[in-house]
Protein backbone atom coordinates (compact mmCIF):
# COMPACT_ATOMS: atom_id res chain seq x y z
CA UNK A 1 35.94 -2.41 -34.28
CA UNK A 2 36.42 -3.89 -30.85
CA UNK A 3 37.62 -7.48 -30.98
CA UNK A 4 36.57 -10.14 -28.49
CA UNK A 5 38.71 -9.96 -25.35
CA UNK A 6 39.91 -6.45 -26.18
CA UNK A 7 39.42 -3.67 -23.67
CA UNK A 8 40.18 0.04 -23.68
CA UNK A 9 40.91 2.05 -20.53
CA UNK A 10 41.71 5.72 -19.95
CA UNK A 11 44.06 7.41 -17.50
CA UNK A 12 44.84 10.83 -16.19
CA UNK A 13 48.65 10.71 -15.87
CA UNK A 14 50.06 13.05 -13.20
CA UNK A 15 53.50 14.41 -14.05
CA UNK A 16 53.23 13.95 -17.82
CA UNK A 17 54.02 17.56 -18.61
CA UNK A 18 55.67 17.42 -22.04
CA UNK A 19 55.59 15.59 -25.35
CA UNK A 20 58.77 13.78 -24.30
CA UNK A 21 57.08 12.57 -21.10
CA UNK A 22 54.11 11.36 -23.15
CA UNK A 23 56.56 9.41 -25.32
CA UNK A 24 58.12 7.77 -22.24
CA UNK A 25 54.69 6.71 -20.96
CA UNK A 26 53.74 5.37 -24.39
CA UNK A 27 56.95 3.34 -24.74
CA UNK A 28 56.63 1.96 -21.20
CA UNK A 29 53.13 0.64 -21.91
CA UNK A 30 53.88 -0.58 -25.45
CA UNK A 31 56.56 -2.91 -24.05
CA UNK A 32 53.85 -4.94 -22.29
CA UNK A 33 52.66 -8.09 -24.00
CA UNK A 34 49.02 -7.84 -25.04
CA UNK A 35 48.93 -4.09 -25.71
CA UNK A 36 47.14 -3.25 -28.97
CA UNK A 37 47.28 0.54 -29.07
CA UNK A 38 48.44 3.40 -26.85
CA UNK A 39 47.35 7.02 -27.25
CA UNK A 40 48.84 9.83 -25.15
CA UNK A 41 48.04 13.54 -24.99
CA UNK A 42 50.37 15.58 -22.80
CA UNK A 43 48.43 18.92 -22.77
CA UNK A 44 45.59 17.04 -21.02
CA UNK A 45 47.92 14.53 -19.28
CA UNK A 46 45.73 11.84 -20.83
CA UNK A 47 46.44 8.26 -21.91
CA UNK A 48 44.23 5.62 -23.54
CA UNK A 49 45.29 1.97 -23.76
CA UNK A 50 43.68 -0.81 -25.78
CA UNK A 51 44.80 -4.28 -24.76
CA UNK A 52 43.99 -8.00 -24.76
CA UNK A 53 42.39 -8.91 -21.41
CA UNK A 54 43.58 -12.52 -21.74
CA UNK A 55 47.24 -11.42 -21.75
CA UNK A 56 47.30 -8.25 -19.68
CA UNK A 57 45.56 -6.65 -16.71
CA UNK A 58 44.84 -3.06 -15.74
CA UNK A 59 47.06 -3.46 -12.69
CA UNK A 60 50.07 -4.34 -14.87
CA UNK A 61 49.51 -1.23 -17.00
CA UNK A 62 49.29 0.95 -13.89
CA UNK A 63 52.53 -0.59 -12.58
CA UNK A 64 54.29 0.07 -15.90
CA UNK A 65 53.29 3.76 -15.89
CA UNK A 66 54.27 4.11 -12.22
CA UNK A 67 57.64 2.45 -12.89
CA UNK A 68 58.27 5.07 -15.57
CA UNK A 69 57.97 7.72 -12.85
CA UNK A 70 54.41 8.94 -13.35
CA UNK A 71 51.19 8.59 -11.39
CA UNK A 72 48.22 7.17 -13.34
CA UNK A 73 44.65 7.93 -12.23
CA UNK A 74 42.25 5.40 -13.77
CA UNK A 75 39.08 6.85 -15.27
CA UNK A 76 36.43 4.30 -14.28
CA UNK A 77 33.48 3.39 -16.51
CA UNK A 78 30.72 5.94 -16.13
CA UNK A 79 33.05 8.61 -14.80
CA UNK A 80 33.52 11.85 -16.67
CA UNK A 81 37.08 12.27 -17.94
CA UNK A 82 36.74 16.01 -17.38
CA UNK A 83 35.73 15.50 -13.73
CA UNK A 84 38.60 13.07 -13.08
CA UNK A 85 41.01 15.47 -14.76
CA UNK A 86 39.74 18.38 -12.67
CA UNK A 87 40.07 16.44 -9.41
CA UNK A 88 43.57 15.20 -10.31
CA UNK A 89 44.64 18.66 -11.44
CA UNK A 90 43.44 20.28 -8.20
CA UNK A 91 45.30 17.64 -6.20
CA UNK A 92 48.46 18.24 -8.25
CA UNK A 93 48.20 22.01 -7.75
CA UNK A 94 47.80 21.63 -3.97
CA UNK A 95 50.79 19.26 -3.80
CA UNK A 96 53.06 21.52 -5.88
CA UNK A 97 52.05 24.55 -3.82
CA UNK A 98 52.94 22.82 -0.55
CA UNK A 99 56.24 21.56 -1.97
CA UNK A 100 57.23 25.01 -3.21
CA UNK A 101 56.40 26.66 0.12
CA UNK A 102 58.50 24.14 2.05
CA UNK A 103 61.35 24.36 -0.47
CA UNK A 104 61.31 28.17 -0.30
CA UNK A 105 61.28 28.20 3.52
CA UNK A 106 64.60 26.32 3.58
CA UNK A 107 66.18 27.37 0.26
CA UNK A 108 66.15 31.13 0.65
CA UNK A 109 67.87 31.19 4.09
CA UNK A 110 70.65 29.09 2.51
CA UNK A 111 70.88 31.55 -0.37
CA UNK A 112 70.98 34.50 2.04
CA UNK A 113 73.74 33.01 4.16
CA UNK A 114 75.77 32.01 1.10
CA UNK A 115 75.42 35.36 -0.70
CA UNK A 116 75.36 37.85 2.17
CA UNK A 117 79.04 37.41 2.95
CA UNK A 118 79.92 38.26 -0.65
CA UNK A 119 77.91 41.49 -0.54
CA UNK A 120 78.81 42.76 2.92
CA UNK A 121 80.16 40.99 5.99
CA UNK A 122 77.83 43.10 8.16
CA UNK A 123 74.78 41.34 6.67
CA UNK A 124 75.76 37.98 8.16
CA UNK A 125 75.51 37.17 11.90
CA UNK A 126 78.93 36.75 13.47
CA UNK A 127 78.42 33.13 14.50
CA UNK A 128 77.86 32.22 10.81
CA UNK A 129 80.99 33.94 9.52
CA UNK A 130 82.89 31.57 7.17
CA UNK A 131 86.18 33.12 8.32
CA UNK A 132 85.72 32.79 12.10
CA UNK A 133 83.12 29.99 12.34
CA UNK A 134 83.47 27.85 9.17
CA UNK A 135 81.89 24.81 10.86
CA UNK A 136 78.73 26.79 11.71
CA UNK A 137 78.64 28.22 8.18
CA UNK A 138 78.85 24.79 6.54
CA UNK A 139 76.62 22.99 9.06
CA UNK A 140 73.85 25.56 8.67
CA UNK A 141 73.70 24.93 4.91
CA UNK A 142 73.87 21.15 5.32
CA UNK A 143 70.96 21.08 7.79
CA UNK A 144 68.77 23.41 5.73
CA UNK A 145 69.51 21.52 2.50
CA UNK A 146 68.16 18.18 3.73
CA UNK A 147 64.45 19.27 3.73
CA UNK A 148 64.87 20.73 0.23
CA UNK A 149 66.24 17.40 -1.02
CA UNK A 150 63.28 15.59 0.57
CA UNK A 151 60.76 17.97 -1.02
CA UNK A 152 62.43 17.61 -4.43
CA UNK A 153 62.99 13.87 -4.14
CA UNK A 154 60.73 13.13 -7.12
CA UNK A 155 63.26 14.80 -9.42
CA UNK A 156 65.80 12.13 -8.46
CA UNK A 157 63.29 9.29 -8.15
CA UNK A 158 62.05 9.93 -11.71
CA UNK A 159 65.08 11.53 -13.35
CA UNK A 160 67.83 8.97 -12.68
CA UNK A 161 65.81 5.82 -13.56
CA UNK A 162 64.77 7.43 -16.86
CA UNK A 163 68.39 8.36 -17.50
CA UNK A 164 69.52 4.77 -16.93
CA UNK A 165 66.76 3.56 -19.26
CA UNK A 166 68.11 5.91 -21.97
CA UNK A 167 64.94 7.98 -21.88
CA UNK A 168 66.11 11.12 -20.05
CA UNK A 169 63.61 13.90 -19.43
CA UNK A 170 63.61 17.27 -17.69
CA UNK A 171 63.70 15.56 -14.30
CA UNK A 172 66.93 13.83 -15.37
CA UNK A 173 68.50 17.19 -16.20
CA UNK A 174 67.43 18.68 -12.86
CA UNK A 175 68.60 15.58 -10.98
CA UNK A 176 72.04 15.64 -12.62
CA UNK A 177 72.56 19.37 -12.15
CA UNK A 178 71.43 19.65 -8.54
CA UNK A 179 72.82 16.20 -7.69
CA UNK A 180 76.32 17.20 -8.81
CA UNK A 181 76.10 20.40 -6.79
CA UNK A 182 74.90 18.55 -3.70
CA UNK A 183 77.52 15.77 -3.94
CA UNK A 184 80.41 18.19 -4.18
CA UNK A 185 78.98 20.47 -1.50
CA UNK A 186 78.50 17.59 0.96
CA UNK A 187 82.06 16.47 0.26
CA UNK A 188 83.41 19.99 0.85
CA UNK A 189 81.24 20.47 3.95
CA UNK A 190 82.54 17.16 5.30
CA UNK A 191 86.12 18.38 5.01
CA UNK A 192 85.20 21.60 6.81
CA UNK A 193 83.41 19.73 9.62
CA UNK A 194 86.41 17.40 10.00
CA UNK A 195 88.74 20.41 10.28
CA UNK A 196 90.55 19.47 7.07
CA UNK A 197 90.17 22.87 5.44
CA UNK A 198 92.85 25.02 7.14
CA UNK A 199 93.08 27.53 4.28
CA UNK A 200 89.31 28.02 3.87
CA UNK A 201 89.36 26.67 0.33
CA UNK A 202 86.32 24.43 0.68
CA UNK A 203 84.17 26.53 2.99
CA UNK A 204 83.88 29.10 0.20
CA UNK A 205 83.19 26.42 -2.43
CA UNK A 206 79.78 25.25 -1.26
CA UNK A 207 76.94 25.16 -3.77
CA UNK A 208 74.02 24.26 -1.54
CA UNK A 209 72.24 27.52 -2.35
CA UNK A 210 72.46 26.89 -6.11
CA UNK A 211 70.83 23.45 -5.94
CA UNK A 212 68.22 24.49 -3.36
CA UNK A 213 67.09 27.60 -5.26
CA UNK A 214 66.91 25.65 -8.54
CA UNK A 215 64.61 23.06 -6.92
CA UNK A 216 62.41 25.76 -5.37
CA UNK A 217 62.08 27.71 -8.63
CA UNK A 218 61.36 24.59 -10.70
CA UNK A 219 58.59 23.67 -8.26
CA UNK A 220 57.21 27.20 -8.55
CA UNK A 221 57.29 26.96 -12.34
CA UNK A 222 55.46 23.64 -12.30
CA UNK A 223 52.87 25.06 -9.90
CA UNK A 224 52.15 27.95 -12.31
CA UNK A 225 52.08 25.51 -15.25
CA UNK A 226 49.52 23.27 -13.52
CA UNK A 227 47.47 26.33 -12.57
CA UNK A 228 47.49 27.58 -16.16
CA UNK A 229 46.51 24.17 -17.55
CA UNK A 230 43.65 23.96 -15.08
CA UNK A 231 42.27 27.34 -16.18
CA UNK A 232 42.63 26.39 -19.84
CA UNK A 233 40.78 23.09 -19.29
CA UNK A 234 37.95 24.91 -17.49
CA UNK A 235 37.69 27.44 -20.33
CA UNK A 236 37.50 24.66 -22.94
CA UNK A 237 34.87 22.83 -20.85
CA UNK A 238 32.73 25.99 -20.65
CA UNK A 239 33.14 26.56 -24.39
CA UNK A 240 31.96 23.01 -25.12
CA UNK A 241 28.98 23.66 -22.88
CA UNK A 242 27.85 26.39 -25.31
CA UNK A 243 27.25 23.83 -28.06
CA UNK A 244 23.53 23.42 -28.85
CA UNK A 245 21.83 20.37 -27.39
CA UNK A 246 19.01 20.26 -29.97
CA UNK A 247 18.55 20.98 -33.67
CA UNK A 248 15.55 22.04 -35.73
CA UNK A 249 14.86 19.78 -38.71
CA UNK A 250 12.12 19.80 -41.33
CA UNK A 251 10.00 16.64 -41.61
CA UNK A 252 7.27 16.64 -44.27
CA UNK A 253 7.19 20.43 -44.22
CA UNK A 254 6.89 20.57 -40.42
CA UNK A 255 9.65 21.85 -38.12
CA UNK A 256 10.67 19.57 -35.26
CA UNK A 257 13.20 20.00 -32.45
CA UNK A 258 15.27 16.86 -31.92
CA UNK A 259 18.41 16.03 -29.91
CA UNK A 260 21.66 16.60 -31.81
CA UNK A 261 22.47 12.88 -31.53
CA UNK A 262 19.34 12.03 -33.57
CA UNK A 263 20.23 14.20 -36.58
CA UNK A 264 20.95 11.92 -39.55
CA UNK A 265 22.50 12.30 -42.98
CA UNK A 266 19.86 13.64 -45.38
CA UNK A 267 17.89 15.58 -42.74
CA UNK A 268 17.07 19.19 -43.61
CA UNK A 269 18.43 21.28 -40.73
CA UNK A 270 16.95 24.73 -40.22
CA UNK A 271 19.26 27.36 -38.74
CA UNK A 272 17.41 30.48 -37.69
CA UNK A 273 18.95 33.96 -37.28
CA UNK A 274 20.90 34.25 -34.05
CA UNK A 275 21.37 30.48 -33.62
């Protein structure tokens, strides 16, 4: 029963990729005054909110979800939830693909430079040798790490606030792990650049490649996850399309074809072979 002044709205929530994320979104909205009921479904990245229009607005709900670190796409009246989901999913897939490509472009050169010297000194160009040119070695990794941090900024933008709110998620774990590696590596690189590493202790203790590769691989994993969810949603949509649109019922001994929505309790439904 819908009470006077009560309204229900639906969202496609970008970034809600786990049951824990769905819980964070639900808690964020439930804190708002005027909210009656919140339903979330993470496999479909879907949320439905019932609220009192006299106490709360749609804009406030959108702000609450955004503040939790997720991007809500409002499903307007008359719009198909499946169409909105498809459009949002395609946009998410394109964004993740671009982010992974940019992260990979800068992450793997860092990994090569960091690991090549351990395998064979001949694999590394002379001007990047940590023994003879430690400043070049450290500076190269610092410069190439900055774009990776920018591409993966959402991990920190979402992860740390949720951690401080005592609702840590996977982004919080990624942010803490890569953040610790970056902080120490920038500190060590700073000592190398300031010529305060005479014994080469810090130049060989850089972890830029670890953090950069983790960010790139996580983005790749999320890209494949979004791709898989998109295919699953399309398969379910096609399966639903196979449902019959009409039914054959018997009225006074005569068969009639009527829309499924008009079939009532007590009707005699005739199912023929092959149907």
